[in-house]
Amino acid sequence: MRRRAAILLLIVLMAALPASAAAGYTVSPAGNYVPDGPPQDLTPIEWWQVPPQVLIIGMLIGTSPELLVVANVLVLLNVWLFFGYRRIAKRAALEHETRTAIYDHIRAHPGIRLGTLAEDLGINRGTLRYHLGKLQEFGMIATAAVGGQTGYFENRQKYSALEEKVLIHLKNPNTREILFTLLESPGASRPELAERLGITASSISWHLRRLKGDGVVLREKERGDVRYTLSGEAAAFVGERTGGGAATSGDCRGTGSEGAGAGIEG
């Protein structure tokens, strides 16, 4: 029915174009405006320097002005059909029980990793990757990567790029404890962090390098000692997610495989 209506509209527009083209137009004087000086010389350009859309419009106008209007109508119809398809596809995506469960879990745990998602929902990774691909194809979820680790988010642009990285880092127990410690004690050194967290200095260094590279942590040298603090945006966001110091279960869970050693997901 919609296709018939679109075709009928196109036929009516094409029938009305010759009449409107023949109607003509009137040019009125612009007023008493007099230019201050002679027009500037124009710089000639070659045809290949002209934007493609300008060339196409010029060809359409040169051939027949009516074709330009028809092309615009077709473009508008194509955009309308595209968004109609997206709405239908999104509705169909959530009719699948497993896919709906995956989507809802990602919404509840932004930045969740593949391994944790598979473990929480009891879905094997092959099936999970298939449904995640479909959700991405429908534009319902988005991803962000940190040090080779991918986190999944609802595609609503709720978080900035740095906030997405912080959420992924919070899934790693060691990195999470570093962020909490720096939030409570800004300016801590690497030995102080290692002693407080009970992990090796080399592991602390590895995590700090990643955090610094993502713009989450700032490195400052003070009287020969290297001190670390959270960046302004990161400190505000970590404070929100921890409720002023206490970790929230939805954003700070992580499996042993994700937090062991260098934090590489199993």
C-alpha atoms as a PDB file:
ATOM      1  CA  MET A   1       0.000   0.000   0.000  1.00  0.00           C
ATOM      2  CA  ARG A   2       2.779   2.446   0.897  1.00  0.00           C
ATOM      3  CA  ARG A   3       4.668   1.592  -2.281  1.00  0.00           C
ATOM      4  CA  ARG A   4       1.572   2.332  -4.382  1.00  0.00           C
ATOM      5  CA  ALA A   5       1.114   5.661  -2.636  1.00  0.00           C
ATOM      6  CA  ALA A   6       4.765   6.566  -3.262  1.00  0.00           C
ATOM      7  CA  ILE A   7       4.501   5.642  -6.958  1.00  0.00           C
ATOM      8  CA  LEU A   8       1.283   7.643  -7.292  1.00  0.00           C
ATOM      9  CA  LEU A   9       2.945  10.678  -5.663  1.00  0.00           C
ATOM     10  CA  LEU A  10       5.890  10.410  -8.044  1.00  0.00           C
ATOM     11  CA  ILE A  11       3.573  10.247 -11.078  1.00  0.00           C
ATOM     12  CA  VAL A  12       1.638  13.322  -9.896  1.00  0.00           C
ATOM     13  CA  LEU A  13       4.873  15.279  -9.381  1.00  0.00           C
ATOM     14  CA  MET A  14       6.209  14.308 -12.799  1.00  0.00           C
ATOM     15  CA  ALA A  15       2.919  15.321 -14.423  1.00  0.00           C
ATOM     16  CA  ALA A  16       2.956  18.702 -12.688  1.00  0.00           C
ATOM     17  CA  LEU A  17       6.568  19.538 -13.540  1.00  0.00           C
ATOM     18  CA  PRO A  18       6.159  20.515 -17.233  1.00  0.00           C
ATOM     19  CA  ALA A  19       3.369  22.952 -16.324  1.00  0.00           C
ATOM     20  CA  SER A  20       5.400  24.588 -13.589  1.00  0.00           C
ATOM     21  CA  ALA A  21       8.476  24.780 -15.811  1.00  0.00           C
ATOM     22  CA  ALA A  22       6.516  26.553 -18.545  1.00  0.00           C
ATOM     23  CA  ALA A  23       5.020  29.114 -16.166  1.00  0.00           C
ATOM     24  CA  GLY A  24       8.184  31.242 -16.254  1.00  0.00           C
ATOM     25  CA  TYR A  25       9.359  33.747 -13.709  1.00  0.00           C
ATOM     26  CA  THR A  26       9.987  37.469 -13.264  1.00  0.00           C
ATOM     27  CA  VAL A  27      13.248  39.096 -12.239  1.00  0.00           C
ATOM     28  CA  SER A  28      12.878  42.277 -10.159  1.00  0.00           C
ATOM     29  CA  PRO A  29      15.569  44.906  -9.559  1.00  0.00           C
ATOM     30  CA  ALA A  30      17.557  44.465  -6.378  1.00  0.00           C
ATOM     31  CA  GLY A  31      17.143  48.123  -5.441  1.00  0.00           C
ATOM     32  CA  ASN A  32      19.527  51.061  -5.531  1.00  0.00           C
ATOM     33  CA  TYR A  33      22.555  49.051  -4.394  1.00  0.00           C
ATOM     34  CA  VAL A  34      25.746  50.051  -6.237  1.00  0.00           C
ATOM     35  CA  PRO A  35      28.908  47.927  -5.802  1.00  0.00           C
ATOM     36  CA  ASP A  36      31.897  49.695  -4.230  1.00  0.00           C
ATOM     37  CA  GLY A  37      34.282  48.450  -6.905  1.00  0.00           C
ATOM     38  CA  PRO A  38      34.636  46.165  -9.884  1.00  0.00           C
ATOM     39  CA  PRO A  39      33.966  42.431  -9.367  1.00  0.00           C
ATOM     40  CA  GLN A  40      36.943  40.312  -8.346  1.00  0.00           C
ATOM     41  CA  ASP A  41      38.577  38.060 -10.894  1.00  0.00           C
ATOM     42  CA  LEU A  42      37.444  34.457 -10.697  1.00  0.00           C
ATOM     43  CA  THR A  43      39.980  31.665 -10.418  1.00  0.00           C
ATOM     44  CA  PRO A  44      39.344  28.972 -13.036  1.00  0.00           C
ATOM     45  CA  ILE A  45      39.353  25.341 -11.907  1.00  0.00           C
ATOM     46  CA  GLU A  46      39.420  22.067 -13.787  1.00  0.00           C
ATOM     47  CA  TRP A  47      36.331  19.870 -14.054  1.00  0.00           C
ATOM     48  CA  TRP A  48      37.802  17.161 -11.829  1.00  0.00           C
ATOM     49  CA  GLN A  49      38.106  19.708  -8.998  1.00  0.00           C
ATOM     50  CA  VAL A  50      34.341  20.187  -8.917  1.00  0.00           C
ATOM     51  CA  PRO A  51      32.527  18.147  -6.200  1.00  0.00           C
ATOM     52  CA  PRO A  52      30.764  15.092  -7.697  1.00  0.00           C
ATOM     53  CA  GLN A  53      27.336  16.164  -6.443  1.00  0.00           C
ATOM     54  CA  VAL A  54      27.722  19.527  -8.213  1.00  0.00           C
ATOM     55  CA  LEU A  55      28.639  17.775 -11.481  1.00  0.00           C
ATOM     56  CA  ILE A  56      25.636  15.473 -11.204  1.00  0.00           C
ATOM     57  CA  ILE A  57      23.257  18.359 -10.448  1.00  0.00           C
ATOM     58  CA  GLY A  58      24.709  20.317 -13.377  1.00  0.00           C
ATOM     59  CA  MET A  59      24.191  17.373 -15.726  1.00  0.00           C
ATOM     60  CA  LEU A  60      20.619  16.921 -14.532  1.00  0.00           C
ATOM     61  CA  ILE A  61      19.789  20.595 -14.973  1.00  0.00           C
ATOM     62  CA  GLY A  62      21.450  20.652 -18.391  1.00  0.00           C
ATOM     63  CA  THR A  63      19.508  17.612 -19.561  1.00  0.00           C
ATOM     64  CA  SER A  64      16.146  18.441 -18.044  1.00  0.00           C
ATOM     65  CA  PRO A  65      15.294  20.496 -14.938  1.00  0.00           C
ATOM     66  CA  GLU A  66      12.490  18.052 -14.136  1.00  0.00           C
ATOM     67  CA  LEU A  67      15.003  15.259 -13.529  1.00  0.00           C
ATOM     68  CA  LEU A  68      16.525  17.176 -10.614  1.00  0.00           C
ATOM     69  CA  VAL A  69      13.195  17.282  -8.766  1.00  0.00           C
ATOM     70  CA  VAL A  70      12.556  13.605  -9.492  1.00  0.00           C
ATOM     71  CA  ALA A  71      16.021  12.728  -8.114  1.00  0.00           C
ATOM     72  CA  ASN A  72      15.291  14.668  -4.920  1.00  0.00           C
ATOM     73  CA  VAL A  73      11.976  12.855  -4.484  1.00  0.00           C
ATOM     74  CA  LEU A  74      13.669   9.487  -4.958  1.00  0.00           C
ATOM     75  CA  VAL A  75      16.320  10.362  -2.366  1.00  0.00           C
ATOM     76  CA  LEU A  76      13.644  11.347   0.160  1.00  0.00           C
ATOM     77  CA  LEU A  77      11.724   8.138  -0.498  1.00  0.00           C
ATOM     78  CA  ASN A  78      14.892   6.102  -0.082  1.00  0.00           C
ATOM     79  CA  VAL A  79      15.650   7.746   3.292  1.00  0.00           C
ATOM     80  CA  TRP A  80      12.080   7.135   4.445  1.00  0.00           C
ATOM     81  CA  LEU A  81      12.211   3.469   3.461  1.00  0.00           C
ATOM     82  CA  PHE A  82      15.615   3.079   5.187  1.00  0.00           C
ATOM     83  CA  PHE A  83      14.378   4.367   8.537  1.00  0.00           C
ATOM     84  CA  GLY A  84      11.213   2.301   8.163  1.00  0.00           C
ATOM     85  CA  TYR A  85      13.392  -0.774   7.726  1.00  0.00           C
ATOM     86  CA  ARG A  86      15.479   0.130  10.790  1.00  0.00           C
ATOM     87  CA  ARG A  87      12.364   0.338  12.952  1.00  0.00           C
ATOM     88  CA  ILE A  88      11.084  -3.016  11.698  1.00  0.00           C
ATOM     89  CA  ALA A  89      14.517  -4.642  12.123  1.00  0.00           C
ATOM     90  CA  LYS A  90      14.854  -3.392  15.705  1.00  0.00           C
ATOM     91  CA  ARG A  91      11.417  -4.707  16.594  1.00  0.00           C
ATOM     92  CA  ALA A  92      12.222  -8.074  15.028  1.00  0.00           C
ATOM     93  CA  ALA A  93      15.576  -8.258  16.843  1.00  0.00           C
ATOM     94  CA  LEU A  94      13.917  -8.132  20.259  1.00  0.00           C
ATOM     95  CA  GLU A  95      11.388 -10.815  19.353  1.00  0.00           C
ATOM     96  CA  HIS A  96      14.199 -13.341  19.871  1.00  0.00           C
ATOM     97  CA  GLU A  97      14.309 -14.386  23.536  1.00  0.00           C
ATOM     98  CA  THR A  98      18.084 -14.912  23.750  1.00  0.00           C
ATOM     99  CA  ARG A  99      18.831 -11.680  21.918  1.00  0.00           C
ATOM    100  CA  THR A 100      16.516  -9.746  24.220  1.00  0.00           C
ATOM    101  CA  ALA A 101      18.261 -11.209  27.270  1.00  0.00           C
ATOM    102  CA  ILE A 102      21.660 -10.175  25.887  1.00  0.00           C
ATOM    103  CA  TYR A 103      20.460  -6.662  25.090  1.00  0.00           C
ATOM    104  CA  ASP A 104      18.860  -6.187  28.537  1.00  0.00           C
ATOM    105  CA  HIS A 105      21.998  -7.469  30.287  1.00  0.00           C
ATOM    106  CA  ILE A 106      24.211  -5.053  28.362  1.00  0.00           C
ATOM    107  CA  ARG A 107      21.897  -2.193  29.288  1.00  0.00           C
ATOM    108  CA  ALA A 108      22.104  -3.171  32.964  1.00  0.00           C
ATOM    109  CA  HIS A 109      25.909  -3.623  32.893  1.00  0.00           C
ATOM    110  CA  PRO A 110      27.449  -1.070  30.503  1.00  0.00           C
ATOM    111  CA  GLY A 111      30.977  -1.966  29.445  1.00  0.00           C
ATOM    112  CA  ILE A 112      30.504  -5.683  30.131  1.00  0.00           C
ATOM    113  CA  ARG A 113      32.966  -7.999  28.376  1.00  0.00           C
ATOM    114  CA  LEU A 114      32.259 -11.025  26.258  1.00  0.00           C
ATOM    115  CA  GLY A 115      33.499 -13.559  28.852  1.00  0.00           C
ATOM    116  CA  THR A 116      31.393 -12.112  31.673  1.00  0.00           C
ATOM    117  CA  LEU A 117      28.357 -11.844  29.403  1.00  0.00           C
ATOM    118  CA  ALA A 118      28.675 -15.501  28.375  1.00  0.00           C
ATOM    119  CA  GLU A 119      29.113 -16.607  31.997  1.00  0.00           C
ATOM    120  CA  ASP A 120      26.222 -14.525  33.359  1.00  0.00           C
ATOM    121  CA  LEU A 121      23.745 -15.694  30.718  1.00  0.00           C
ATOM    122  CA  GLY A 122      25.036 -19.247  30.282  1.00  0.00           C
ATOM    123  CA  ILE A 123      25.457 -18.832  26.509  1.00  0.00           C
ATOM    124  CA  ASN A 124      28.376 -20.315  24.581  1.00  0.00           C
ATOM    125  CA  ARG A 125      30.617 -17.725  22.950  1.00  0.00           C
ATOM    126  CA  GLY A 126      29.856 -18.736  19.368  1.00  0.00           C
ATOM    127  CA  THR A 127      26.120 -18.190  19.842  1.00  0.00           C
ATOM    128  CA  LEU A 128      26.785 -15.047  21.831  1.00  0.00           C
ATOM    129  CA  ARG A 129      28.992 -13.547  19.113  1.00  0.00           C
ATOM    130  CA  TYR A 130      26.305 -14.263  16.506  1.00  0.00           C
ATOM    131  CA  HIS A 131      23.597 -12.427  18.464  1.00  0.00           C
ATOM    132  CA  LEU A 132      25.954  -9.569  19.346  1.00  0.00           C
ATOM    133  CA  GLY A 133      26.693  -9.177  15.641  1.00  0.00           C
ATOM    134  CA  LYS A 134      22.970  -8.978  14.899  1.00  0.00           C
ATOM    135  CA  LEU A 135      22.413  -6.381  17.612  1.00  0.00           C
ATOM    136  CA  GLN A 136      25.277  -4.311  16.181  1.00  0.00           C
ATOM    137  CA  GLU A 137      23.872  -4.712  12.679  1.00  0.00           C
ATOM    138  CA  PHE A 138      20.536  -3.326  13.884  1.00  0.00           C
ATOM    139  CA  GLY A 139      22.360  -0.422  15.561  1.00  0.00           C
ATOM    140  CA  MET A 140      21.192  -1.408  19.048  1.00  0.00           C
ATOM    141  CA  ILE A 141      24.560  -1.857  20.748  1.00  0.00           C
ATOM    142  CA  ALA A 142      28.000  -0.298  20.380  1.00  0.00           C
ATOM    143  CA  THR A 143      31.480  -1.332  21.462  1.00  0.00           C
ATOM    144  CA  ALA A 144      34.572   0.320  22.895  1.00  0.00           C
ATOM    145  CA  ALA A 145      38.037  -1.225  23.192  1.00  0.00           C
ATOM    146  CA  VAL A 146      40.628  -0.817  25.945  1.00  0.00           C
ATOM    147  CA  GLY A 147      43.974  -2.575  25.623  1.00  0.00           C
ATOM    148  CA  GLY A 148      42.552  -5.319  23.419  1.00  0.00           C
ATOM    149  CA  GLN A 149      39.504  -5.766  25.673  1.00  0.00           C
ATOM    150  CA  THR A 150      36.077  -4.987  24.179  1.00  0.00           C
ATOM    151  CA  GLY A 151      33.202  -3.653  26.240  1.00  0.00           C
ATOM    152  CA  TYR A 152      29.584  -3.602  25.086  1.00  0.00           C
ATOM    153  CA  PHE A 153      27.168  -0.710  25.542  1.00  0.00           C
ATOM    154  CA  GLU A 154      23.624   0.191  24.634  1.00  0.00           C
ATOM    155  CA  ASN A 155      23.841   2.389  21.540  1.00  0.00           C
ATOM    156  CA  ARG A 156      22.380   5.518  23.126  1.00  0.00           C
ATOM    157  CA  GLN A 157      25.593   7.545  23.480  1.00  0.00           C
ATOM    158  CA  LYS A 158      24.993   7.874  27.217  1.00  0.00           C
ATOM    159  CA  TYR A 159      28.714   7.994  27.987  1.00  0.00           C
ATOM    160  CA  SER A 160      31.658   9.958  26.657  1.00  0.00           C
ATOM    161  CA  ALA A 161      34.609   8.103  25.121  1.00  0.00           C
ATOM    162  CA  LEU A 162      36.581   8.436  28.380  1.00  0.00           C
ATOM    163  CA  GLU A 163      33.629   7.287  30.504  1.00  0.00           C
ATOM    164  CA  GLU A 164      33.287   4.161  28.350  1.00  0.00           C
ATOM    165  CA  LYS A 165      36.968   3.379  28.954  1.00  0.00           C
ATOM    166  CA  VAL A 166      36.526   3.887  32.692  1.00  0.00           C
ATOM    167  CA  LEU A 167      33.571   1.477  32.724  1.00  0.00           C
ATOM    168  CA  ILE A 168      35.643  -1.187  30.963  1.00  0.00           C
ATOM    169  CA  HIS A 169      38.553  -0.640  33.355  1.00  0.00           C
ATOM    170  CA  LEU A 170      36.198  -1.003  36.325  1.00  0.00           C
ATOM    171  CA  LYS A 171      35.446  -4.567  35.211  1.00  0.00           C
ATOM    172  CA  ASN A 172      39.015  -5.582  36.064  1.00  0.00           C
ATOM    173  CA  PRO A 173      39.429  -6.126  39.853  1.00  0.00           C
ATOM    174  CA  ASN A 174      43.039  -4.878  40.002  1.00  0.00           C
ATOM    175  CA  THR A 175      42.400  -1.821  37.863  1.00  0.00           C
ATOM    176  CA  ARG A 176      39.234  -1.133  39.809  1.00  0.00           C
ATOM    177  CA  GLU A 177      41.138  -1.116  43.104  1.00  0.00           C
ATOM    178  CA  ILE A 178      43.741   1.237  41.633  1.00  0.00           C
ATOM    179  CA  LEU A 179      40.999   3.648  40.555  1.00  0.00           C
ATOM    180  CA  PHE A 180      39.330   3.508  43.981  1.00  0.00           C
ATOM    181  CA  THR A 181      42.648   4.072  45.734  1.00  0.00           C
ATOM    182  CA  LEU A 182      43.560   7.056  43.552  1.00  0.00           C
ATOM    183  CA  LEU A 183      40.085   8.484  44.108  1.00  0.00           C
ATOM    184  CA  GLU A 184      40.545   8.290  47.888  1.00  0.00           C
ATOM    185  CA  SER A 185      44.277   9.091  47.931  1.00  0.00           C
ATOM    186  CA  PRO A 186      45.247  11.203  44.918  1.00  0.00           C
ATOM    187  CA  GLY A 187      48.981  11.490  44.370  1.00  0.00           C
ATOM    188  CA  ALA A 188      49.832   7.940  45.435  1.00  0.00           C
ATOM    189  CA  SER A 189      53.080   6.473  44.145  1.00  0.00           C
ATOM    190  CA  ARG A 190      53.570   3.094  42.514  1.00  0.00           C
ATOM    191  CA  PRO A 191      55.151   1.502  45.652  1.00  0.00           C
ATOM    192  CA  GLU A 192      52.305   2.844  47.776  1.00  0.00           C
ATOM    193  CA  LEU A 193      49.719   1.369  45.413  1.00  0.00           C
ATOM    194  CA  ALA A 194      51.510  -1.991  45.335  1.00  0.00           C
ATOM    195  CA  GLU A 195      51.698  -2.145  49.125  1.00  0.00           C
ATOM    196  CA  ARG A 196      48.095  -1.125  49.635  1.00  0.00           C
ATOM    197  CA  LEU A 197      46.680  -3.508  47.020  1.00  0.00           C
ATOM    198  CA  GLY A 198      49.018  -6.396  47.786  1.00  0.00           C
ATOM    199  CA  ILE A 199      50.083  -6.985  44.178  1.00  0.00           C
ATOM    200  CA  THR A 200      53.466  -6.722  42.488  1.00  0.00           C
ATOM    201  CA  ALA A 201      54.941  -3.382  41.415  1.00  0.00           C
ATOM    202  CA  SER A 202      55.271  -4.666  37.838  1.00  0.00           C
ATOM    203  CA  SER A 203      51.546  -5.419  37.715  1.00  0.00           C
ATOM    204  CA  ILE A 204      50.806  -1.943  39.082  1.00  0.00           C
ATOM    205  CA  SER A 205      53.018  -0.430  36.377  1.00  0.00           C
ATOM    206  CA  TRP A 206      51.225  -2.385  33.665  1.00  0.00           C
ATOM    207  CA  HIS A 207      47.804  -1.165  34.774  1.00  0.00           C
ATOM    208  CA  LEU A 208      48.993   2.418  35.257  1.00  0.00           C
ATOM    209  CA  ARG A 209      50.439   2.516  31.726  1.00  0.00           C
ATOM    210  CA  ARG A 210      47.077   1.494  30.284  1.00  0.00           C
ATOM    211  CA  LEU A 211      45.176   3.959  32.452  1.00  0.00           C
ATOM    212  CA  LYS A 212      47.544   6.785  31.540  1.00  0.00           C
ATOM    213  CA  GLY A 213      47.340   5.919  27.835  1.00  0.00           C
ATOM    214  CA  ASP A 214      43.532   6.109  27.989  1.00  0.00           C
ATOM    215  CA  GLY A 215      43.617   9.507  29.692  1.00  0.00           C
ATOM    216  CA  VAL A 216      42.150   8.142  32.934  1.00  0.00           C
ATOM    217  CA  VAL A 217      45.261   8.657  35.085  1.00  0.00           C
ATOM    218  CA  LEU A 218      47.744  11.539  35.127  1.00  0.00           C
ATOM    219  CA  ARG A 219      51.437  11.043  35.930  1.00  0.00           C
ATOM    220  CA  GLU A 220      53.291  13.771  37.790  1.00  0.00           C
ATOM    221  CA  LYS A 221      56.848  13.963  39.049  1.00  0.00           C
ATOM    222  CA  GLU A 222      57.309  15.522  42.480  1.00  0.00           C
ATOM    223  CA  ARG A 223      60.738  15.836  44.119  1.00  0.00           C
ATOM    224  CA  GLY A 224      62.047  12.809  42.278  1.00  0.00           C
ATOM    225  CA  ASP A 225      58.959  10.695  43.065  1.00  0.00           C
ATOM    226  CA  VAL A 226      56.366   9.794  40.421  1.00  0.00           C
ATOM    227  CA  ARG A 227      52.831  10.368  41.626  1.00  0.00           C
ATOM    228  CA  TYR A 228      49.530   9.342  40.032  1.00  0.00           C
ATOM    229  CA  THR A 229      46.123  11.019  40.125  1.00  0.00           C
ATOM    230  CA  LEU A 230      42.845  10.588  38.270  1.00  0.00           C
ATOM    231  CA  SER A 231      42.065  13.090  35.536  1.00  0.00           C
ATOM    232  CA  GLY A 232      39.255  15.509  36.325  1.00  0.00           C
ATOM    233  CA  GLU A 233      36.587  13.807  34.223  1.00  0.00           C
ATOM    234  CA  ALA A 234      37.655  10.340  35.350  1.00  0.00           C
ATOM    235  CA  ALA A 235      37.627  11.318  39.040  1.00  0.00           C
ATOM    236  CA  ALA A 236      34.099  12.727  38.760  1.00  0.00           C
ATOM    237  CA  PHE A 237      32.822   9.677  36.910  1.00  0.00           C
ATOM    238  CA  VAL A 238      34.492   7.112  39.192  1.00  0.00           C
ATOM    239  CA  GLY A 239      33.056   8.972  42.163  1.00  0.00           C
ATOM    240  CA  GLU A 240      29.568   8.709  40.658  1.00  0.00           C
ATOM    241  CA  ARG A 241      29.924   5.009  39.890  1.00  0.00           C
ATOM    242  CA  THR A 242      31.219   4.176  43.376  1.00  0.00           C
ATOM    243  CA  GLY A 243      28.632   6.207  45.234  1.00  0.00           C
ATOM    244  CA  GLY A 244      31.329   8.220  46.960  1.00  0.00           C
ATOM    245  CA  GLY A 245      33.664   5.311  47.674  1.00  0.00           C
ATOM    246  CA  ALA A 246      31.673   2.064  47.671  1.00  0.00           C
ATOM    247  CA  ALA A 247      31.680  -0.038  44.533  1.00  0.00           C
ATOM    248  CA  THR A 248      28.371  -0.665  42.778  1.00  0.00           C
ATOM    249  CA  SER A 249      27.709  -4.277  41.838  1.00  0.00           C
ATOM    250  CA  GLY A 250      26.425  -3.487  38.353  1.00  0.00           C
ATOM    251  CA  ASP A 251      29.567  -1.774  37.154  1.00  0.00           C
ATOM    252  CA  CYS A 252      32.380  -3.357  39.146  1.00  0.00           C
ATOM    253  CA  ARG A 253      31.981  -7.084  38.647  1.00  0.00           C
ATOM    254  CA  GLY A 254      34.686  -9.077  36.949  1.00  0.00           C
ATOM    255  CA  THR A 255      35.631 -12.701  36.521  1.00  0.00           C
ATOM    256  CA  GLY A 256      38.905 -14.144  37.686  1.00  0.00           C
ATOM    257  CA  SER A 257      40.045 -14.585  34.112  1.00  0.00           C
ATOM    258  CA  GLU A 258      39.488 -10.903  33.449  1.00  0.00           C
ATOM    259  CA  GLY A 259      41.398  -9.720  36.498  1.00  0.00           C
ATOM    260  CA  ALA A 260      44.248 -12.166  36.757  1.00  0.00           C
ATOM    261  CA  GLY A 261      47.750 -10.898  36.076  1.00  0.00           C
ATOM    262  CA  ALA A 262      47.553  -8.447  33.227  1.00  0.00           C
ATOM    263  CA  GLY A 263      43.764  -8.643  33.138  1.00  0.00           C
ATOM    264  CA  ILE A 264      43.453 -10.592  29.888  1.00  0.00           C
ATOM    265  CA  GLU A 265      40.021 -12.097  29.392  1.00  0.00           C
ATOM    266  CA  GLY A 266      39.724 -15.853  29.256  1.00  0.00           C
END
